[in-house]
Amino acid sequence: QVQLIESGGGLVQPGGSLNLSCQVSGLTFSRYTMGWFRQAPGKEREFVSAVRWGGGITYYADSVKGRFTISRDRAKNMVYLQMNSLKPEDTAVYYCAADYLAWATVEDGLEYDYWGRGTQVTVSS
């Protein structure tokens, strides 16, 4: 059974930081591109960042470039999203997702095979 379990969300002030984690089980981790998406109330789900299967190559939405960092730990089957300089517009539910041997379509959530249930991030003073 494939499971993706996010953690690390919470309430933070503008300018603060959070580190999201995603524990992955039930699949061959090294063969999956891992992505982070988010969905704010009343808005469509949007791509945030991805790290390529096999590791190393990363990709970011323009809105988070320079502030967020994605990484993966093959030994622990974990994916992380370090979020710095958070803004109120970053408030959303953040989802971890897995896409088998993909890279060209990393921004398209419909291409992903597995999803977590999400973790809430709220940026507010």
Protein backbone atom coordinates (compact mmCIF):
# COMPACT_ATOMS: atom_id res chain seq x y z
CA GLN A 1 0.00 0.00 0.00
CA VAL A 2 1.42 3.32 -1.09
CA GLN A 3 1.40 6.07 1.51
CA LEU A 4 2.56 9.66 1.41
CA ILE A 5 2.29 11.40 4.76
CA GLU A 6 3.02 15.10 5.08
CA SER A 7 3.97 16.86 8.29
CA GLY A 8 5.50 20.11 9.48
CA GLY A 9 2.74 22.57 8.69
CA GLY A 10 1.53 25.19 11.12
CA LEU A 11 1.04 28.87 11.84
CA VAL A 12 3.97 31.19 11.20
CA GLN A 13 4.42 34.95 10.99
CA PRO A 14 5.31 36.65 7.71
CA GLY A 15 9.03 36.37 7.10
CA GLY A 16 9.23 33.14 9.08
CA SER A 17 10.21 29.63 8.05
CA LEU A 18 8.75 26.14 8.03
CA ASN A 19 10.16 22.79 6.92
CA LEU A 20 7.62 20.37 5.48
CA SER A 21 8.32 16.65 5.39
CA CYS A 22 6.77 13.84 3.38
CA GLN A 23 7.28 10.23 4.42
CA VAL A 24 6.88 7.85 1.47
CA SER A 25 6.26 4.12 1.66
CA GLY A 26 5.03 1.31 -0.56
CA LEU A 27 6.82 2.29 -3.78
CA THR A 28 10.32 2.29 -5.27
CA PHE A 29 11.25 5.77 -4.12
CA SER A 30 14.18 6.30 -6.48
CA ARG A 31 11.93 5.87 -9.54
CA TYR A 32 9.50 8.60 -8.62
CA THR A 33 9.71 12.29 -9.22
CA MET A 34 8.44 13.93 -6.04
CA GLY A 35 6.46 17.13 -6.14
CA TRP A 36 4.90 19.62 -3.77
CA PHE A 37 1.63 21.32 -4.64
CA ARG A 38 -0.58 23.69 -2.70
CA GLN A 39 -4.19 24.78 -2.68
CA ALA A 40 -5.50 27.91 -1.05
CA PRO A 41 -9.20 28.35 -0.17
CA GLY A 42 -11.23 29.18 -3.26
CA LYS A 43 -8.26 28.67 -5.58
CA GLU A 44 -7.07 25.90 -7.84
CA ARG A 45 -4.28 23.59 -6.84
CA GLU A 46 -0.91 24.91 -8.01
CA PHE A 47 2.54 23.45 -8.51
CA VAL A 48 5.21 24.52 -6.04
CA SER A 49 8.33 22.44 -6.59
CA ALA A 50 9.63 19.05 -7.72
CA VAL A 51 12.76 16.93 -7.47
CA ARG A 52 13.52 14.47 -10.25
CA TRP A 53 13.48 10.71 -9.83
CA GLY A 54 17.03 9.58 -9.16
CA GLY A 55 17.62 12.88 -7.33
CA GLY A 56 19.60 16.04 -8.03
CA ILE A 57 17.54 18.07 -10.46
CA THR A 58 14.99 20.43 -8.94
CA TYR A 59 12.37 22.80 -10.33
CA TYR A 60 10.38 25.62 -8.74
CA ALA A 61 7.40 27.77 -9.47
CA ASP A 62 8.40 31.39 -10.03
CA SER A 63 6.38 32.42 -6.97
CA VAL A 64 8.63 30.44 -4.60
CA LYS A 65 11.98 30.50 -6.40
CA GLY A 66 14.74 31.71 -4.11
CA ARG A 67 12.64 31.18 -0.98
CA PHE A 68 11.80 27.46 -1.01
CA THR A 69 14.17 24.50 -1.29
CA ILE A 70 13.12 20.94 -2.12
CA SER A 71 15.25 17.94 -1.25
CA ARG A 72 14.96 14.17 -0.95
CA ASP A 73 16.63 11.58 1.25
CA ARG A 74 16.81 8.20 -0.48
CA ALA A 75 17.92 6.38 2.65
CA LYS A 76 14.85 7.55 4.57
CA ASN A 77 12.32 7.75 1.71
CA MET A 78 11.66 11.34 2.66
CA VAL A 79 11.01 14.53 0.74
CA TYR A 80 11.40 17.96 2.30
CA LEU A 81 10.32 21.47 1.47
CA GLN A 82 12.22 24.16 3.33
CA MET A 83 10.19 27.35 3.17
CA ASN A 84 11.82 30.67 4.08
CA SER A 85 10.67 34.28 3.90
CA LEU A 86 7.08 33.14 4.03
CA LYS A 87 4.34 35.47 2.85
CA PRO A 88 0.61 35.53 3.60
CA GLU A 89 -0.01 34.42 0.02
CA ASP A 90 1.82 31.18 0.79
CA THR A 91 -1.09 30.18 3.03
CA ALA A 92 -2.53 26.91 1.70
CA VAL A 93 -2.79 23.20 2.21
CA TYR A 94 0.46 21.69 0.94
CA TYR A 95 0.43 18.28 -0.71
CA CYS A 96 3.20 15.82 -1.49
CA ALA A 97 2.84 13.78 -4.69
CA ALA A 98 4.72 11.06 -6.58
CA ASP A 99 5.05 10.67 -10.37
CA TYR A 100 6.65 7.55 -11.86
CA LEU A 101 9.80 8.22 -13.95
CA ALA A 102 8.48 11.62 -15.03
CA TRP A 103 10.05 15.02 -15.42
CA ALA A 104 8.69 16.86 -18.48
CA THR A 105 5.24 17.15 -16.92
CA VAL A 106 6.23 17.97 -13.32
CA GLU A 107 3.93 21.00 -13.12
CA ASP A 108 0.84 19.02 -14.11
CA GLY A 109 -0.83 17.59 -11.05
CA LEU A 110 -3.00 15.33 -13.18
CA GLU A 111 0.12 13.36 -14.16
CA TYR A 112 0.99 12.38 -10.60
CA ASP A 113 0.21 8.85 -9.47
CA TYR A 114 -0.01 9.20 -5.70
CA TRP A 115 -0.91 11.97 -3.28
CA GLY A 116 -0.74 12.65 0.41
CA ARG A 117 -3.57 14.15 2.42
CA GLY A 118 -1.89 17.48 2.92
CA THR A 119 -0.66 19.71 5.72
CA GLN A 120 -1.95 23.20 6.47
CA VAL A 121 0.41 26.17 6.29
CA THR A 122 -0.88 29.49 7.56
CA VAL A 123 1.19 32.65 7.30
CA SER A 124 -0.32 35.42 9.38
CA SER A 125 0.59 38.00 11.98
